[in-house]
């Protein structure tokens, strides 16, 4: 397992400026603002979406994470390097945002089979669930990998801290389209729409 700590990790001050006077958290290096959402508020939001939208909430949360990942990649275009290095940088940014402590296992050079481990995941913090609930994080990791490697992948949470485990585990596999260039759901990959 390759720990992200082996890379020079940034500090929160490297990314954010806090202005108490205006009530703003501004991003450094890119234009924009950030906001903080407590994990209890996230859990309430997730629960409310699942209650209100049932099974449709899961793909919605995943797609939201995917879109955030695309934004992360676009905002960090100034970084140069191979996808393996950029994946570690982007996950370290997510760590700096308080999302958890990430490590990557697998074929990071070509991105065909990866496992992202999230210890202390904020998306299932203090949850007690029967099934994995980190839909946003799964979509986020899926979006990072799709954008960085330039090809579609599938991602699934195989372990979740919210189920009593020590960490969340997201398995990522390169998606190989069925005959005719369509995936198993019959629609084109999200990466091809970018």
Protein backbone atom coordinates (compact mmCIF):
# COMPACT_ATOMS: atom_id res chain seq x y z
CA UNK A 1 0.00 0.00 0.00
CA UNK A 2 1.31 3.43 -0.90
CA UNK A 3 0.48 5.98 1.80
CA UNK A 4 -0.14 9.54 0.70
CA UNK A 5 2.05 10.69 3.59
CA UNK A 6 5.07 9.74 1.47
CA UNK A 7 4.18 12.75 -0.68
CA UNK A 8 4.72 16.32 0.56
CA UNK A 9 1.24 17.03 1.88
CA UNK A 10 -0.11 20.57 1.84
CA UNK A 11 -1.54 22.34 4.87
CA UNK A 12 -5.00 23.83 5.02
CA UNK A 13 -3.52 27.34 4.83
CA UNK A 14 -2.03 26.41 1.45
CA UNK A 15 -5.55 26.23 0.00
CA UNK A 16 -7.79 28.54 1.99
CA UNK A 17 -7.92 32.11 3.33
CA UNK A 18 -10.47 32.74 6.06
CA UNK A 19 -11.94 36.23 6.40
CA UNK A 20 -13.86 36.56 9.65
CA UNK A 21 -14.99 40.07 8.69
CA UNK A 22 -16.79 39.04 5.51
CA UNK A 23 -17.60 35.47 6.56
CA UNK A 24 -15.78 34.02 3.54
CA UNK A 25 -13.42 31.16 2.98
CA UNK A 26 -11.57 31.88 -0.25
CA UNK A 27 -9.57 29.40 -2.26
CA UNK A 28 -5.93 30.20 -2.86
CA UNK A 29 -4.50 29.77 -6.33
CA UNK A 30 -7.88 29.58 -8.05
CA UNK A 31 -10.79 31.95 -8.00
CA UNK A 32 -13.62 30.91 -5.80
CA UNK A 33 -15.00 30.34 -2.36
CA UNK A 34 -15.39 27.31 -0.18
CA UNK A 35 -17.75 26.43 2.64
CA UNK A 36 -17.68 24.01 5.52
CA UNK A 37 -20.47 21.53 6.11
CA UNK A 38 -20.41 19.63 9.40
CA UNK A 39 -20.56 15.85 9.11
CA UNK A 40 -23.83 15.74 11.07
CA UNK A 41 -25.37 18.14 8.55
CA UNK A 42 -24.06 15.95 5.70
CA UNK A 43 -25.61 12.85 7.33
CA UNK A 44 -28.92 14.68 7.69
CA UNK A 45 -28.80 15.81 4.05
CA UNK A 46 -27.94 12.30 2.83
CA UNK A 47 -30.72 10.76 4.95
CA UNK A 48 -33.23 13.33 3.76
CA UNK A 49 -32.36 12.73 0.11
CA UNK A 50 -32.63 8.97 0.54
CA UNK A 51 -35.96 9.30 2.36
CA UNK A 52 -37.38 11.70 -0.22
CA UNK A 53 -35.98 10.21 -3.44
CA UNK A 54 -35.47 6.55 -2.41
CA UNK A 55 -33.20 4.70 -4.86
CA UNK A 56 -32.78 7.81 -7.03
CA UNK A 57 -30.81 9.52 -4.24
CA UNK A 58 -27.82 7.19 -4.61
CA UNK A 59 -27.08 7.98 -8.29
CA UNK A 60 -27.77 11.66 -7.58
CA UNK A 61 -25.18 11.76 -4.77
CA UNK A 62 -22.71 9.78 -6.88
CA UNK A 63 -23.16 12.13 -9.86
CA UNK A 64 -22.71 15.10 -7.53
CA UNK A 65 -19.40 13.65 -6.33
CA UNK A 66 -18.39 13.01 -9.93
CA UNK A 67 -19.09 16.63 -10.88
CA UNK A 68 -17.08 17.89 -7.89
CA UNK A 69 -14.16 15.69 -9.00
CA UNK A 70 -14.28 17.16 -12.50
CA UNK A 71 -14.14 20.61 -10.90
CA UNK A 72 -11.15 19.58 -8.74
CA UNK A 73 -9.30 18.32 -11.82
CA UNK A 74 -10.10 21.46 -13.83
CA UNK A 75 -8.93 23.72 -10.98
CA UNK A 76 -5.62 21.88 -10.67
CA UNK A 77 -4.67 21.85 -14.35
CA UNK A 78 -1.55 23.84 -13.44
CA UNK A 79 -0.10 20.67 -11.91
CA UNK A 80 1.79 18.57 -14.41
CA UNK A 81 2.58 14.92 -14.22
CA UNK A 82 1.32 11.45 -14.76
CA UNK A 83 -2.17 10.49 -13.59
CA UNK A 84 -0.66 8.49 -10.69
CA UNK A 85 0.98 11.64 -9.26
CA UNK A 86 -2.04 13.85 -9.93
CA UNK A 87 -4.38 11.33 -8.27
CA UNK A 88 -2.27 11.49 -5.12
CA UNK A 89 -2.23 15.31 -5.22
CA UNK A 90 -6.00 15.51 -5.66
CA UNK A 91 -6.65 13.00 -2.87
CA UNK A 92 -4.31 14.99 -0.63
CA UNK A 93 -6.42 18.08 -1.39
CA UNK A 94 -9.53 16.09 -0.38
CA UNK A 95 -7.69 15.12 2.80
CA UNK A 96 -6.91 18.79 3.45
CA UNK A 97 -10.63 19.51 3.06
CA UNK A 98 -11.29 17.11 5.94
CA UNK A 99 -12.74 14.27 3.90
CA UNK A 100 -10.51 11.58 5.43
CA UNK A 101 -7.06 10.04 5.11
CA UNK A 102 -6.59 8.44 1.69
CA UNK A 103 -4.28 5.79 0.32
CA UNK A 104 -4.19 4.15 -3.10
CA UNK A 105 -3.46 0.53 -3.94
CA UNK A 106 -3.22 -1.16 -7.32
CA UNK A 107 -2.18 -0.23 -10.82
CA UNK A 108 -1.89 3.55 -10.43
CA UNK A 109 0.38 3.84 -13.48
CA UNK A 110 -2.37 2.85 -15.93
CA UNK A 111 -5.49 3.05 -13.76
CA UNK A 112 -7.00 -0.27 -14.80
CA UNK A 113 -7.50 -1.59 -11.25
CA UNK A 114 -7.28 0.64 -8.20
CA UNK A 115 -8.47 0.59 -4.63
CA UNK A 116 -8.85 3.82 -2.70
CA UNK A 117 -8.93 3.45 1.08
CA UNK A 118 -10.48 6.30 3.08
CA UNK A 119 -9.72 6.13 6.78
CA UNK A 120 -11.76 8.44 9.01
CA UNK A 121 -14.15 9.17 6.14
CA UNK A 122 -16.28 12.25 6.75
CA UNK A 123 -19.12 11.00 4.54
CA UNK A 124 -20.06 8.16 6.91
CA UNK A 125 -18.66 9.62 10.15
CA UNK A 126 -20.63 8.49 13.20
CA UNK A 127 -23.01 6.47 11.01
CA UNK A 128 -24.39 3.07 11.83
CA UNK A 129 -25.55 1.59 8.56
CA UNK A 130 -26.27 -1.83 7.09
CA UNK A 131 -25.01 -0.95 3.60
CA UNK A 132 -22.29 1.39 2.27
CA UNK A 133 -23.39 5.05 2.22
CA UNK A 134 -20.45 7.01 0.76
CA UNK A 135 -22.14 7.55 -2.62
CA UNK A 136 -20.69 11.05 -3.00
CA UNK A 137 -17.15 9.80 -2.32
CA UNK A 138 -17.57 6.90 -4.75
CA UNK A 139 -18.67 9.33 -7.47
CA UNK A 140 -15.83 11.69 -6.57
CA UNK A 141 -13.17 8.98 -6.85
CA UNK A 142 -14.78 7.68 -10.06
CA UNK A 143 -14.70 11.18 -11.56
CA UNK A 144 -11.06 11.74 -10.58
CA UNK A 145 -9.96 8.49 -12.16
CA UNK A 146 -12.05 8.97 -15.32
CA UNK A 147 -10.68 12.49 -15.87
CA UNK A 148 -7.07 11.73 -15.00
CA UNK A 149 -6.76 8.55 -17.06
CA UNK A 150 -9.04 9.72 -19.88
CA UNK A 151 -11.15 6.58 -19.98
CA UNK A 152 -14.27 5.33 -18.20
CA UNK A 153 -14.14 3.32 -15.00
CA UNK A 154 -16.63 1.74 -12.64
CA UNK A 155 -16.38 2.37 -8.91
CA UNK A 156 -18.02 0.56 -6.01
CA UNK A 157 -17.72 0.89 -2.27
CA UNK A 158 -16.87 -2.57 -0.95
CA UNK A 159 -16.33 -1.57 2.69
CA UNK A 160 -17.78 1.39 4.58
CA UNK A 161 -16.76 2.88 7.90
CA UNK A 162 -20.44 3.55 8.49
CA UNK A 163 -20.97 -0.22 8.68
CA UNK A 164 -18.56 -0.51 11.58
CA UNK A 165 -15.36 -0.95 9.61
CA UNK A 166 -12.13 0.92 10.15
CA UNK A 167 -12.17 2.48 6.68
CA UNK A 168 -14.08 2.86 3.46
CA UNK A 169 -12.79 0.95 0.45
CA UNK A 170 -13.61 1.91 -3.11
CA UNK A 171 -12.69 -0.49 -5.90
CA UNK A 172 -12.16 1.11 -9.30
CA UNK A 173 -11.93 -0.87 -12.52
CA UNK A 174 -11.44 0.29 -16.06
CA UNK A 175 -14.77 -0.07 -17.81
CA UNK A 176 -14.59 -2.06 -20.99
CA UNK A 177 -17.65 -1.28 -23.10
CA UNK A 178 -19.83 -4.03 -24.47
CA UNK A 179 -20.10 -4.52 -28.22
CA UNK A 180 -21.33 -1.35 -29.91
CA UNK A 181 -19.46 1.03 -27.63
CA UNK A 182 -22.14 1.23 -24.95
CA UNK A 183 -21.82 0.27 -21.33
CA UNK A 184 -23.97 -2.25 -19.51
CA UNK A 185 -26.63 0.37 -18.71
CA UNK A 186 -26.95 1.20 -22.40
CA UNK A 187 -25.60 4.74 -22.10
CA UNK A 188 -22.28 6.30 -22.95
CA UNK A 189 -19.72 6.80 -20.22
CA UNK A 190 -19.65 10.09 -18.31
CA UNK A 191 -16.01 10.59 -19.32
CA UNK A 192 -16.92 10.67 -23.01
CA UNK A 193 -19.30 13.59 -22.39
CA UNK A 194 -16.57 15.83 -21.03
